[in-house]
Amino acid sequence: MTMMRIDKWLWAARFYKTRSLAAHACDLGRVSTNGQSAKPSRDLRAGDLVQLKTESGDLQVTVLALSEVRGPAAVAQTLYAETEASRVERQRLAEQKKTLGEVPAVGKLSKRDRRERERFKTSW
């Protein structure tokens, strides 16, 4: 097998849980191959550069092998190799998130937070 659909490969490589989610990501423009936006039916070959935009950040992977079956995660990881630039950027974003700390949730304050706010207001 020398070529296959990109949505099938993304599913087999375990980037998306279902093939329809992979196709939807392609339709939304979150997947590109070799610098061009990819439709779900776009042919993919070994050696192509795939760029993915996910919630956790952007990924750039090089296709090493093709597989039409979704196997175990250990096998799926042999289908691609993440580029060094992508790995460095992902680690930099992870460190940045750690230094920023937890962002408080928007919505109703907890009982403890309300009491702290009241203490702060009355201290003035």
PDB file of N, CA and C in Angstrom:
ATOM      1  N   MET A   1       0.851  -1.169   0.000  1.00  0.00           N
ATOM      2  CA  MET A   1       0.000   0.000   0.000  1.00  0.00           C
ATOM      3  C   MET A   1       0.902   1.239   0.000  1.00  0.00           C
ATOM      4  N   THR A   2       0.734   2.082  -0.999  1.00  0.00           N
ATOM      5  CA  THR A   2       1.574   3.270  -1.108  1.00  0.00           C
ATOM      6  C   THR A   2       0.836   4.551  -0.751  1.00  0.00           C
ATOM      7  N   MET A   3      -0.511   4.527  -0.840  1.00  0.00           N
ATOM      8  CA  MET A   3      -1.308   5.710  -0.516  1.00  0.00           C
ATOM      9  C   MET A   3      -2.555   5.291   0.256  1.00  0.00           C
ATOM     10  N   MET A   4      -3.066   6.213   1.057  1.00  0.00           N
ATOM     11  CA  MET A   4      -4.342   5.992   1.736  1.00  0.00           C
ATOM     12  C   MET A   4      -4.955   7.333   2.101  1.00  0.00           C
ATOM     13  N   ARG A   5      -6.239   7.310   2.430  1.00  0.00           N
ATOM     14  CA  ARG A   5      -6.945   8.527   2.818  1.00  0.00           C
ATOM     15  C   ARG A   5      -6.392   9.054   4.139  1.00  0.00           C
ATOM     16  N   ILE A   6      -6.319  10.376   4.248  1.00  0.00           N
ATOM     17  CA  ILE A   6      -5.743  10.971   5.459  1.00  0.00           C
ATOM     18  C   ILE A   6      -6.646  10.751   6.672  1.00  0.00           C
ATOM     19  N   ASP A   7      -7.964  10.749   6.492  1.00  0.00           N
ATOM     20  CA  ASP A   7      -8.834  10.539   7.652  1.00  0.00           C
ATOM     21  C   ASP A   7      -8.680   9.127   8.212  1.00  0.00           C
ATOM     22  N   LYS A   8      -8.469   8.146   7.350  1.00  0.00           N
ATOM     23  CA  LYS A   8      -8.225   6.779   7.817  1.00  0.00           C
ATOM     24  C   LYS A   8      -6.913   6.698   8.582  1.00  0.00           C
ATOM     25  N   TRP A   9      -5.882   7.372   8.072  1.00  0.00           N
ATOM     26  CA  TRP A   9      -4.571   7.312   8.724  1.00  0.00           C
ATOM     27  C   TRP A   9      -4.612   8.002  10.089  1.00  0.00           C
ATOM     28  N   LEU A  10      -5.280   9.148  10.173  1.00  0.00           N
ATOM     29  CA  LEU A  10      -5.382   9.860  11.456  1.00  0.00           C
ATOM     30  C   LEU A  10      -6.103   9.013  12.493  1.00  0.00           C
ATOM     31  N   TRP A  11      -7.101   8.264  12.042  1.00  0.00           N
ATOM     32  CA  TRP A  11      -7.819   7.360  12.941  1.00  0.00           C
ATOM     33  C   TRP A  11      -6.929   6.191  13.348  1.00  0.00           C
ATOM     34  N   ALA A  12      -6.222   5.587  12.392  1.00  0.00           N
ATOM     35  CA  ALA A  12      -5.363   4.441  12.689  1.00  0.00           C
ATOM     36  C   ALA A  12      -4.181   4.844  13.570  1.00  0.00           C
ATOM     37  N   ALA A  13      -3.687   6.076  13.413  1.00  0.00           N
ATOM     38  CA  ALA A  13      -2.563   6.558  14.217  1.00  0.00           C
ATOM     39  C   ALA A  13      -3.014   7.089  15.573  1.00  0.00           C
ATOM     40  N   ARG A  14      -4.316   6.988  15.854  1.00  0.00           N
ATOM     41  CA  ARG A  14      -4.908   7.345  17.139  1.00  0.00           C
ATOM     42  C   ARG A  14      -4.822   8.827  17.492  1.00  0.00           C
ATOM     43  N   PHE A  15      -4.878   9.690  16.491  1.00  0.00           N
ATOM     44  CA  PHE A  15      -4.986  11.121  16.763  1.00  0.00           C
ATOM     45  C   PHE A  15      -6.437  11.488  17.069  1.00  0.00           C
ATOM     46  N   TYR A  16      -7.375  10.727  16.486  1.00  0.00           N
ATOM     47  CA  TYR A  16      -8.797  10.933  16.724  1.00  0.00           C
ATOM     48  C   TYR A  16      -9.439   9.602  17.063  1.00  0.00           C
ATOM     49  N   LYS A  17     -10.469   9.663  17.894  1.00  0.00           N
ATOM     50  CA  LYS A  17     -11.105   8.450  18.385  1.00  0.00           C
ATOM     51  C   LYS A  17     -11.932   7.744  17.308  1.00  0.00           C
ATOM     52  N   THR A  18     -12.535   8.507  16.420  1.00  0.00           N
ATOM     53  CA  THR A  18     -13.311   7.912  15.335  1.00  0.00           C
ATOM     54  C   THR A  18     -12.884   8.517  14.010  1.00  0.00           C
ATOM     55  N   ARG A  19     -13.196   7.795  12.946  1.00  0.00           N
ATOM     56  CA  ARG A  19     -12.840   8.282  11.626  1.00  0.00           C
ATOM     57  C   ARG A  19     -13.678   9.508  11.265  1.00  0.00           C
ATOM     58  N   SER A  20     -14.905   9.567  11.733  1.00  0.00           N
ATOM     59  CA  SER A  20     -15.743  10.730  11.436  1.00  0.00           C
ATOM     60  C   SER A  20     -15.205  11.985  12.129  1.00  0.00           C
ATOM     61  N   LEU A  21     -14.634  11.848  13.319  1.00  0.00           N
ATOM     62  CA  LEU A  21     -13.999  12.999  13.983  1.00  0.00           C
ATOM     63  C   LEU A  21     -12.779  13.469  13.208  1.00  0.00           C
ATOM     64  N   ALA A  22     -12.015  12.528  12.660  1.00  0.00           N
ATOM     65  CA  ALA A  22     -10.855  12.876  11.839  1.00  0.00           C
ATOM     66  C   ALA A  22     -11.297  13.608  10.580  1.00  0.00           C
ATOM     67  N   ALA A  23     -12.362  13.125   9.946  1.00  0.00           N
ATOM     68  CA  ALA A  23     -12.884  13.773   8.744  1.00  0.00           C
ATOM     69  C   ALA A  23     -13.409  15.167   9.067  1.00  0.00           C
ATOM     70  N   HIS A  24     -14.062  15.309  10.217  1.00  0.00           N
ATOM     71  CA  HIS A  24     -14.589  16.611  10.640  1.00  0.00           C
ATOM     72  C   HIS A  24     -13.454  17.604  10.878  1.00  0.00           C
ATOM     73  N   ALA A  25     -12.365  17.152  11.485  1.00  0.00           N
ATOM     74  CA  ALA A  25     -11.210  18.026  11.717  1.00  0.00           C
ATOM     75  C   ALA A  25     -10.614  18.483  10.382  1.00  0.00           C
ATOM     76  N   CYS A  26     -10.587  17.599   9.414  1.00  0.00           N
ATOM     77  CA  CYS A  26     -10.096  17.973   8.082  1.00  0.00           C
ATOM     78  C   CYS A  26     -11.016  19.014   7.452  1.00  0.00           C
ATOM     79  N   ASP A  27     -12.313  18.812   7.580  1.00  0.00           N
ATOM     80  CA  ASP A  27     -13.280  19.759   7.013  1.00  0.00           C
ATOM     81  C   ASP A  27     -13.162  21.138   7.648  1.00  0.00           C
ATOM     82  N   LEU A  28     -12.826  21.196   8.935  1.00  0.00           N
ATOM     83  CA  LEU A  28     -12.696  22.474   9.639  1.00  0.00           C
ATOM     84  C   LEU A  28     -11.358  23.161   9.371  1.00  0.00           C
ATOM     85  N   GLY A  29     -10.463  22.493   8.657  1.00  0.00           N
ATOM     86  CA  GLY A  29      -9.171  23.095   8.335  1.00  0.00           C
ATOM     87  C   GLY A  29      -8.127  22.922   9.420  1.00  0.00           C
ATOM     88  N   ARG A  30      -8.314  21.968  10.310  1.00  0.00           N
ATOM     89  CA  ARG A  30      -7.365  21.749  11.401  1.00  0.00           C
ATOM     90  C   ARG A  30      -6.242  20.798  11.015  1.00  0.00           C
ATOM     91  N   VAL A  31      -6.317  20.231   9.811  1.00  0.00           N
ATOM     92  CA  VAL A  31      -5.305  19.286   9.348  1.00  0.00           C
ATOM     93  C   VAL A  31      -4.759  19.777   8.014  1.00  0.00           C
ATOM     94  N   SER A  32      -3.444  19.767   7.873  1.00  0.00           N
ATOM     95  CA  SER A  32      -2.828  20.104   6.595  1.00  0.00           C
ATOM     96  C   SER A  32      -1.686  19.139   6.318  1.00  0.00           C
ATOM     97  N   THR A  33      -1.451  18.904   5.037  1.00  0.00           N
ATOM     98  CA  THR A  33      -0.352  18.032   4.629  1.00  0.00           C
ATOM     99  C   THR A  33       0.553  18.803   3.697  1.00  0.00           C
ATOM    100  N   ASN A  34       1.821  18.766   4.001  1.00  0.00           N
ATOM    101  CA  ASN A  34       2.837  19.443   3.186  1.00  0.00           C
ATOM    102  C   ASN A  34       2.468  20.903   2.915  1.00  0.00           C
ATOM    103  N   GLY A  35       1.896  21.567   3.914  1.00  0.00           N
ATOM    104  CA  GLY A  35       1.587  22.986   3.815  1.00  0.00           C
ATOM    105  C   GLY A  35       0.260  23.310   3.159  1.00  0.00           C
ATOM    106  N   GLN A  36      -0.507  22.312   2.728  1.00  0.00           N
ATOM    107  CA  GLN A  36      -1.791  22.556   2.085  1.00  0.00           C
ATOM    108  C   GLN A  36      -2.910  21.988   2.952  1.00  0.00           C
ATOM    109  N   SER A  37      -4.021  22.702   2.996  1.00  0.00           N
ATOM    110  CA  SER A  37      -5.170  22.221   3.759  1.00  0.00           C
ATOM    111  C   SER A  37      -5.633  20.887   3.188  1.00  0.00           C
ATOM    112  N   ALA A  38      -6.011  19.969   4.069  1.00  0.00           N
ATOM    113  CA  ALA A  38      -6.337  18.605   3.638  1.00  0.00           C
ATOM    114  C   ALA A  38      -7.815  18.313   3.794  1.00  0.00           C
ATOM    115  N   LYS A  39      -8.414  17.806   2.734  1.00  0.00           N
ATOM    116  CA  LYS A  39      -9.764  17.264   2.809  1.00  0.00           C
ATOM    117  C   LYS A  39      -9.651  15.825   3.297  1.00  0.00           C
ATOM    118  N   PRO A  40     -10.723  15.249   3.821  1.00  0.00           N
ATOM    119  CA  PRO A  40     -10.647  13.877   4.348  1.00  0.00           C
ATOM    120  C   PRO A  40     -10.202  12.842   3.315  1.00  0.00           C
ATOM    121  N   SER A  41     -10.492  13.071   2.046  1.00  0.00           N
ATOM    122  CA  SER A  41     -10.163  12.087   1.021  1.00  0.00           C
ATOM    123  C   SER A  41      -8.773  12.279   0.423  1.00  0.00           C
ATOM    124  N   ARG A  42      -8.026  13.230   0.924  1.00  0.00           N
ATOM    125  CA  ARG A  42      -6.690  13.496   0.373  1.00  0.00           C
ATOM    126  C   ARG A  42      -5.789  12.276   0.577  1.00  0.00           C
ATOM    127  N   ASP A  43      -5.022  11.945  -0.461  1.00  0.00           N
ATOM    128  CA  ASP A  43      -4.112  10.808  -0.379  1.00  0.00           C
ATOM    129  C   ASP A  43      -2.879  11.169   0.429  1.00  0.00           C
ATOM    130  N   LEU A  44      -2.444  10.240   1.240  1.00  0.00           N
ATOM    131  CA  LEU A  44      -1.298  10.416   2.119  1.00  0.00           C
ATOM    132  C   LEU A  44      -0.266   9.359   1.779  1.00  0.00           C
ATOM    133  N   ARG A  45       0.991   9.749   1.764  1.00  0.00           N
ATOM    134  CA  ARG A  45       2.083   8.820   1.461  1.00  0.00           C
ATOM    135  C   ARG A  45       3.105   8.865   2.600  1.00  0.00           C
ATOM    136  N   ALA A  46       3.909   7.836   2.684  1.00  0.00           N
ATOM    137  CA  ALA A  46       4.989   7.830   3.675  1.00  0.00           C
ATOM    138  C   ALA A  46       5.952   8.959   3.323  1.00  0.00           C
ATOM    139  N   GLY A  47       6.385   9.693   4.335  1.00  0.00           N
ATOM    140  CA  GLY A  47       7.287  10.816   4.139  1.00  0.00           C
ATOM    141  C   GLY A  47       6.591  12.165   4.130  1.00  0.00           C
ATOM    142  N   ASP A  48       5.263  12.187   4.061  1.00  0.00           N
ATOM    143  CA  ASP A  48       4.517  13.448   4.077  1.00  0.00           C
ATOM    144  C   ASP A  48       4.573  14.082   5.459  1.00  0.00           C
ATOM    145  N   LEU A  49       4.500  15.412   5.491  1.00  0.00           N
ATOM    146  CA  LEU A  49       4.473  16.164   6.741  1.00  0.00           C
ATOM    147  C   LEU A  49       3.030  16.543   7.036  1.00  0.00           C
ATOM    148  N   VAL A  50       2.518  16.113   8.174  1.00  0.00           N
ATOM    149  CA  VAL A  50       1.131  16.382   8.574  1.00  0.00           C
ATOM    150  C   VAL A  50       1.156  17.346   9.753  1.00  0.00           C
ATOM    151  N   GLN A  51       0.349  18.413   9.649  1.00  0.00           N
ATOM    152  CA  GLN A  51       0.241  19.393  10.720  1.00  0.00           C
ATOM    153  C   GLN A  51      -1.170  19.327  11.278  1.00  0.00           C
ATOM    154  N   LEU A  52      -1.270  19.162  12.603  1.00  0.00           N
ATOM    155  CA  LEU A  52      -2.559  19.040  13.286  1.00  0.00           C
ATOM    156  C   LEU A  52      -2.710  20.173  14.289  1.00  0.00           C
ATOM    157  N   LYS A  53      -3.907  20.735  14.345  1.00  0.00           N
ATOM    158  CA  LYS A  53      -4.225  21.738  15.362  1.00  0.00           C
ATOM    159  C   LYS A  53      -5.178  21.074  16.334  1.00  0.00           C
ATOM    160  N   THR A  54      -4.732  20.895  17.583  1.00  0.00           N
ATOM    161  CA  THR A  54      -5.551  20.255  18.599  1.00  0.00           C
ATOM    162  C   THR A  54      -5.704  21.186  19.793  1.00  0.00           C
ATOM    163  N   GLU A  55      -6.506  20.769  20.766  1.00  0.00           N
ATOM    164  CA  GLU A  55      -6.713  21.570  21.968  1.00  0.00           C
ATOM    165  C   GLU A  55      -5.415  21.750  22.742  1.00  0.00           C
ATOM    166  N   SER A  56      -4.580  20.727  22.724  1.00  0.00           N
ATOM    167  CA  SER A  56      -3.332  20.784  23.489  1.00  0.00           C
ATOM    168  C   SER A  56      -2.222  21.503  22.748  1.00  0.00           C
ATOM    169  N   GLY A  57      -2.448  21.917  21.522  1.00  0.00           N
ATOM    170  CA  GLY A  57      -1.434  22.642  20.766  1.00  0.00           C
ATOM    171  C   GLY A  57      -1.299  22.086  19.364  1.00  0.00           C
ATOM    172  N   ASP A  58      -0.359  22.659  18.635  1.00  0.00           N
ATOM    173  CA  ASP A  58      -0.132  22.223  17.265  1.00  0.00           C
ATOM    174  C   ASP A  58       0.912  21.124  17.229  1.00  0.00           C
ATOM    175  N   LEU A  59       0.685  20.145  16.358  1.00  0.00           N
ATOM    176  CA  LEU A  59       1.611  19.030  16.178  1.00  0.00           C
ATOM    177  C   LEU A  59       2.062  18.982  14.731  1.00  0.00           C
ATOM    178  N   GLN A  60       3.320  18.673  14.529  1.00  0.00           N
ATOM    179  CA  GLN A  60       3.848  18.407  13.201  1.00  0.00           C
ATOM    180  C   GLN A  60       4.472  17.021  13.244  1.00  0.00           C
ATOM    181  N   VAL A  61       3.957  16.128  12.407  1.00  0.00           N
ATOM    182  CA  VAL A  61       4.465  14.761  12.383  1.00  0.00           C
ATOM    183  C   VAL A  61       4.823  14.372  10.958  1.00  0.00           C
ATOM    184  N   THR A  62       5.814  13.513  10.845  1.00  0.00           N
ATOM    185  CA  THR A  62       6.195  12.944   9.567  1.00  0.00           C
ATOM    186  C   THR A  62       5.638  11.536   9.499  1.00  0.00           C
ATOM    187  N   VAL A  63       4.995  11.204   8.399  1.00  0.00           N
ATOM    188  CA  VAL A  63       4.389   9.885   8.224  1.00  0.00           C
ATOM    189  C   VAL A  63       5.495   8.883   7.930  1.00  0.00           C
ATOM    190  N   LEU A  64       5.599   7.840   8.764  1.00  0.00           N
ATOM    191  CA  LEU A  64       6.606   6.804   8.562  1.00  0.00           C
ATOM    192  C   LEU A  64       6.028   5.573   7.878  1.00  0.00           C
ATOM    193  N   ALA A  65       4.779   5.251   8.212  1.00  0.00           N
ATOM    194  CA  ALA A  65       4.147   4.064   7.647  1.00  0.00           C
ATOM    195  C   ALA A  65       2.645   4.296   7.537  1.00  0.00           C
ATOM    196  N   LEU A  66       2.005   3.474   6.724  1.00  0.00           N
ATOM    197  CA  LEU A  66       0.559   3.546   6.537  1.00  0.00           C
ATOM    198  C   LEU A  66      -0.086   2.290   7.092  1.00  0.00           C
ATOM    199  N   SER A  67      -1.270   2.459   7.674  1.00  0.00           N
ATOM    200  CA  SER A  67      -2.005   1.321   8.203  1.00  0.00           C
ATOM    201  C   SER A  67      -3.489   1.623   8.130  1.00  0.00           C
ATOM    202  N   GLU A  68      -4.262   0.682   7.603  1.00  0.00           N
ATOM    203  CA  GLU A  68      -5.708   0.868   7.513  1.00  0.00           C
ATOM    204  C   GLU A  68      -6.441   0.307   8.716  1.00  0.00           C
ATOM    205  N   VAL A  69      -5.730  -0.377   9.606  1.00  0.00           N
ATOM    206  CA  VAL A  69      -6.364  -0.934  10.797  1.00  0.00           C
ATOM    207  C   VAL A  69      -5.896  -0.156  12.021  1.00  0.00           C
ATOM    208  N   ARG A  70      -6.807  -0.012  12.968  1.00  0.00           N
ATOM    209  CA  ARG A  70      -6.483   0.687  14.214  1.00  0.00           C
ATOM    210  C   ARG A  70      -6.002  -0.347  15.224  1.00  0.00           C
ATOM    211  N   GLY A  71      -4.717  -0.350  15.481  1.00  0.00           N
ATOM    212  CA  GLY A  71      -4.139  -1.317  16.397  1.00  0.00           C
ATOM    213  C   GLY A  71      -3.876  -0.705  17.758  1.00  0.00           C
ATOM    214  N   PRO A  72      -3.060  -1.387  18.567  1.00  0.00           N
ATOM    215  CA  PRO A  72      -2.710  -0.864  19.886  1.00  0.00           C
ATOM    216  C   PRO A  72      -1.927   0.452  19.787  1.00  0.00           C
ATOM    217  N   ALA A  73      -1.892   1.189  20.868  1.00  0.00           N
ATOM    218  CA  ALA A  73      -1.221   2.485  20.879  1.00  0.00           C
ATOM    219  C   ALA A  73       0.265   2.349  20.557  1.00  0.00           C
ATOM    220  N   ALA A  74       0.885   1.277  21.023  1.00  0.00           N
ATOM    221  CA  ALA A  74       2.309   1.079  20.753  1.00  0.00           C
ATOM    222  C   ALA A  74       2.566   0.931  19.252  1.00  0.00           C
ATOM    223  N   VAL A  75       1.675   0.265  18.553  1.00  0.00           N
ATOM    224  CA  VAL A  75       1.811   0.101  17.108  1.00  0.00           C
ATOM    225  C   VAL A  75       1.501   1.412  16.405  1.00  0.00           C
ATOM    226  N   ALA A  76       0.500   2.140  16.896  1.00  0.00           N
ATOM    227  CA  ALA A  76       0.115   3.411  16.281  1.00  0.00           C
ATOM    228  C   ALA A  76       1.251   4.430  16.350  1.00  0.00           C
ATOM    229  N   GLN A  77       2.048   4.391  17.405  1.00  0.00           N
ATOM    230  CA  GLN A  77       3.145   5.339  17.546  1.00  0.00           C
ATOM    231  C   GLN A  77       4.271   5.073  16.558  1.00  0.00           C
ATOM    232  N   THR A  78       4.316   3.903  15.968  1.00  0.00           N
ATOM    233  CA  THR A  78       5.338   3.607  14.969  1.00  0.00           C
ATOM    234  C   THR A  78       4.951   4.127  13.593  1.00  0.00           C
ATOM    235  N   LEU A  79       3.737   4.639  13.433  1.00  0.00           N
ATOM    236  CA  LEU A  79       3.287   5.150  12.142  1.00  0.00           C
ATOM    237  C   LEU A  79       3.781   6.556  11.855  1.00  0.00           C
ATOM    238  N   TYR A  80       4.251   7.268  12.875  1.00  0.00           N
ATOM    239  CA  TYR A  80       4.657   8.658  12.688  1.00  0.00           C
ATOM    240  C   TYR A  80       5.819   9.004  13.612  1.00  0.00           C
ATOM    241  N   ALA A  81       6.474  10.121  13.292  1.00  0.00           N
ATOM    242  CA  ALA A  81       7.525  10.685  14.148  1.00  0.00           C
ATOM    243  C   ALA A  81       7.272  12.181  14.259  1.00  0.00           C
ATOM    244  N   GLU A  82       7.210  12.675  15.483  1.00  0.00           N
ATOM    245  CA  GLU A  82       6.992  14.105  15.693  1.00  0.00           C
ATOM    246  C   GLU A  82       8.279  14.857  15.381  1.00  0.00           C
ATOM    247  N   THR A  83       8.160  15.993  14.714  1.00  0.00           N
ATOM    248  CA  THR A  83       9.352  16.773  14.381  1.00  0.00           C
ATOM    249  C   THR A  83       9.932  17.397  15.648  1.00  0.00           C
ATOM    250  N   GLU A  84      11.207  17.686  15.605  1.00  0.00           N
ATOM    251  CA  GLU A  84      11.889  18.257  16.781  1.00  0.00           C
ATOM    252  C   GLU A  84      11.330  19.628  17.130  1.00  0.00           C
ATOM    253  N   ALA A  85      11.052  20.443  16.130  1.00  0.00           N
ATOM    254  CA  ALA A  85      10.496  21.781  16.385  1.00  0.00           C
ATOM    255  C   ALA A  85       9.140  21.686  17.071  1.00  0.00           C
ATOM    256  N   SER A  86       8.324  20.745  16.665  1.00  0.00           N
ATOM    257  CA  SER A  86       7.015  20.548  17.275  1.00  0.00           C
ATOM    258  C   SER A  86       7.150  20.088  18.720  1.00  0.00           C
ATOM    259  N   ARG A  87       8.071  19.190  18.970  1.00  0.00           N
ATOM    260  CA  ARG A  87       8.284  18.672  20.327  1.00  0.00           C
ATOM    261  C   ARG A  87       8.741  19.784  21.269  1.00  0.00           C
ATOM    262  N   VAL A  88       9.670  20.617  20.797  1.00  0.00           N
ATOM    263  CA  VAL A  88      10.188  21.720  21.620  1.00  0.00           C
ATOM    264  C   VAL A  88       9.072  22.719  21.917  1.00  0.00           C
ATOM    265  N   GLU A  89       8.271  23.050  20.913  1.00  0.00           N
ATOM    266  CA  GLU A  89       7.182  24.004  21.099  1.00  0.00           C
ATOM    267  C   GLU A  89       6.132  23.462  22.072  1.00  0.00           C
ATOM    268  N   ARG A  90       5.815  22.189  21.962  1.00  0.00           N
ATOM    269  CA  ARG A  90       4.831  21.570  22.859  1.00  0.00           C
ATOM    270  C   ARG A  90       5.331  21.578  24.306  1.00  0.00           C
ATOM    271  N   GLN A  91       6.620  21.298  24.505  1.00  0.00           N
ATOM    272  CA  GLN A  91       7.180  21.324  25.862  1.00  0.00           C
ATOM    273  C   GLN A  91       7.225  22.744  26.415  1.00  0.00           C
ATOM    274  N   ARG A  92       7.488  23.724  25.551  1.00  0.00           N
ATOM    275  CA  ARG A  92       7.520  25.118  25.987  1.00  0.00           C
ATOM    276  C   ARG A  92       6.131  25.555  26.447  1.00  0.00           C
ATOM    277  N   LEU A  93       5.105  25.160  25.710  1.00  0.00           N
ATOM    278  CA  LEU A  93       3.739  25.508  26.104  1.00  0.00           C
ATOM    279  C   LEU A  93       3.334  24.820  27.396  1.00  0.00           C
ATOM    280  N   ALA A  94       3.797  23.588  27.598  1.00  0.00           N
ATOM    281  CA  ALA A  94       3.486  22.874  28.842  1.00  0.00           C
ATOM    282  C   ALA A  94       4.129  23.575  30.029  1.00  0.00           C
ATOM    283  N   GLU A  95       5.364  24.017  29.880  1.00  0.00           N
ATOM    284  CA  GLU A  95       6.040  24.746  30.960  1.00  0.00           C
ATOM    285  C   GLU A  95       5.348  26.075  31.238  1.00  0.00           C
ATOM    286  N   GLN A  96       4.902  26.730  30.176  1.00  0.00           N
ATOM    287  CA  GLN A  96       4.211  28.003  30.339  1.00  0.00           C
ATOM    288  C   GLN A  96       2.901  27.818  31.098  1.00  0.00           C
ATOM    289  N   LYS A  97       2.184  26.745  30.812  1.00  0.00           N
ATOM    290  CA  LYS A  97       0.938  26.472  31.525  1.00  0.00           C
ATOM    291  C   LYS A  97       1.202  26.202  32.998  1.00  0.00           C
ATOM    292  N   LYS A  98       2.307  25.514  33.302  1.00  0.00           N
ATOM    293  CA  LYS A  98       2.646  25.229  34.701  1.00  0.00           C
ATOM    294  C   LYS A  98       2.941  26.508  35.464  1.00  0.00           C
ATOM    295  N   THR A  99       3.646  27.443  34.841  1.00  0.00           N
ATOM    296  CA  THR A  99       4.015  28.670  35.535  1.00  0.00           C
ATOM    297  C   THR A  99       2.812  29.590  35.729  1.00  0.00           C
ATOM    298  N   LEU A 100       1.844  29.519  34.825  1.00  0.00           N
ATOM    299  CA  LEU A 100       0.650  30.350  34.981  1.00  0.00           C
ATOM    300  C   LEU A 100      -0.247  29.855  36.098  1.00  0.00           C
ATOM    301  N   GLY A 101      -0.233  28.576  36.351  1.00  0.00           N
ATOM    302  CA  GLY A 101      -1.046  28.016  37.418  1.00  0.00           C
ATOM    303  C   GLY A 101      -2.470  27.803  36.977  1.00  0.00           C
ATOM    304  N   GLU A 102      -3.288  27.432  37.924  1.00  0.00           N
ATOM    305  CA  GLU A 102      -4.694  27.168  37.656  1.00  0.00           C
ATOM    306  C   GLU A 102      -5.432  28.472  37.413  1.00  0.00           C
ATOM    307  N   VAL A 103      -6.225  28.498  36.386  1.00  0.00           N
ATOM    308  CA  VAL A 103      -7.083  29.636  36.101  1.00  0.00           C
ATOM    309  C   VAL A 103      -8.421  29.349  36.776  1.00  0.00           C
ATOM    310  N   PRO A 104      -8.902  30.274  37.603  1.00  0.00           N
ATOM    311  CA  PRO A 104     -10.160  30.010  38.298  1.00  0.00           C
ATOM    312  C   PRO A 104     -11.300  29.851  37.303  1.00  0.00           C
ATOM    313  N   ALA A 105     -12.198  28.960  37.630  1.00  0.00           N
ATOM    314  CA  ALA A 105     -13.340  28.697  36.763  1.00  0.00           C
ATOM    315  C   ALA A 105     -14.300  29.880  36.806  1.00  0.00           C
ATOM    316  N   VAL A 106     -14.902  30.161  35.682  1.00  0.00           N
ATOM    317  CA  VAL A 106     -15.877  31.234  35.610  1.00  0.00           C
ATOM    318  C   VAL A 106     -17.212  30.668  36.076  1.00  0.00           C
ATOM    319  N   GLY A 107     -17.897  31.404  36.900  1.00  0.00           N
ATOM    320  CA  GLY A 107     -19.188  30.938  37.392  1.00  0.00           C
ATOM    321  C   GLY A 107     -19.339  31.266  38.866  1.00  0.00           C
ATOM    322  N   LYS A 108     -20.155  30.508  39.511  1.00  0.00           N
ATOM    323  CA  LYS A 108     -20.458  30.743  40.918  1.00  0.00           C
ATOM    324  C   LYS A 108     -19.240  30.441  41.775  1.00  0.00           C
ATOM    325  N   LEU A 109     -18.962  31.342  42.725  1.00  0.00           N
ATOM    326  CA  LEU A 109     -17.841  31.141  43.637  1.00  0.00           C
ATOM    327  C   LEU A 109     -18.188  30.081  44.676  1.00  0.00           C
ATOM    328  N   SER A 110     -17.157  29.402  45.146  1.00  0.00           N
ATOM    329  CA  SER A 110     -17.383  28.431  46.206  1.00  0.00           C
ATOM    330  C   SER A 110     -17.591  29.175  47.526  1.00  0.00           C
ATOM    331  N   LYS A 111     -18.056  28.460  48.527  1.00  0.00           N
ATOM    332  CA  LYS A 111     -18.309  29.055  49.836  1.00  0.00           C
ATOM    333  C   LYS A 111     -17.023  29.664  50.401  1.00  0.00           C
ATOM    334  N   ARG A 112     -15.921  28.942  50.255  1.00  0.00           N
ATOM    335  CA  ARG A 112     -14.632  29.412  50.760  1.00  0.00           C
ATOM    336  C   ARG A 112     -14.193  30.684  50.042  1.00  0.00           C
ATOM    337  N   ASP A 113     -14.357  30.711  48.720  1.00  0.00           N
ATOM    338  CA  ASP A 113     -13.963  31.895  47.946  1.00  0.00           C
ATOM    339  C   ASP A 113     -14.824  33.105  48.302  1.00  0.00           C
ATOM    340  N   ARG A 114     -16.118  32.895  48.519  1.00  0.00           N
ATOM    341  CA  ARG A 114     -16.995  34.006  48.919  1.00  0.00           C
ATOM    342  C   ARG A 114     -16.567  34.579  50.262  1.00  0.00           C
ATOM    343  N   ARG A 115     -16.221  33.703  51.193  1.00  0.00           N
ATOM    344  CA  ARG A 115     -15.790  34.182  52.516  1.00  0.00           C
ATOM    345  C   ARG A 115     -14.480  34.959  52.414  1.00  0.00           C
ATOM    346  N   GLU A 116     -13.560  34.488  51.605  1.00  0.00           N
ATOM    347  CA  GLU A 116     -12.292  35.214  51.425  1.00  0.00           C
ATOM    348  C   GLU A 116     -12.528  36.582  50.801  1.00  0.00           C
ATOM    349  N   ARG A 117     -13.446  36.641  49.846  1.00  0.00           N
ATOM    350  CA  ARG A 117     -13.754  37.906  49.202  1.00  0.00           C
ATOM    351  C   ARG A 117     -14.385  38.872  50.202  1.00  0.00           C
ATOM    352  N   GLU A 118     -15.283  38.371  51.043  1.00  0.00           N
ATOM    353  CA  GLU A 118     -15.909  39.218  52.054  1.00  0.00           C
ATOM    354  C   GLU A 118     -14.882  39.730  53.053  1.00  0.00           C
ATOM    355  N   ARG A 119     -13.947  38.860  53.462  1.00  0.00           N
ATOM    356  CA  ARG A 119     -12.882  39.298  54.372  1.00  0.00           C
ATOM    357  C   ARG A 119     -12.036  40.390  53.736  1.00  0.00           C
ATOM    358  N   PHE A 120     -11.767  40.245  52.464  1.00  0.00           N
ATOM    359  CA  PHE A 120     -10.967  41.233  51.755  1.00  0.00           C
ATOM    360  C   PHE A 120     -11.712  42.564  51.667  1.00  0.00           C
ATOM    361  N   LYS A 121     -13.014  42.521  51.376  1.00  0.00           N
ATOM    362  CA  LYS A 121     -13.803  43.739  51.255  1.00  0.00           C
ATOM    363  C   LYS A 121     -13.911  44.469  52.582  1.00  0.00           C
ATOM    364  N   THR A 122     -14.102  43.727  53.676  1.00  0.00           N
ATOM    365  CA  THR A 122     -14.279  44.356  54.984  1.00  0.00           C
ATOM    366  C   THR A 122     -12.962  44.841  55.584  1.00  0.00           C
ATOM    367  N   SER A 123     -11.847  44.381  55.067  1.00  0.00           N
ATOM    368  CA  SER A 123     -10.561  44.808  55.621  1.00  0.00           C
ATOM    369  C   SER A 123     -10.207  46.224  55.184  1.00  0.00           C
ATOM    370  N   TRP A 124     -10.881  46.782  54.211  1.00  0.00           N
ATOM    371  CA  TRP A 124     -10.590  48.138  53.755  1.00  0.00           C
ATOM    372  C   TRP A 124     -11.289  49.071  54.622  1.00  0.00           C
TER     373      TRP A 124
END
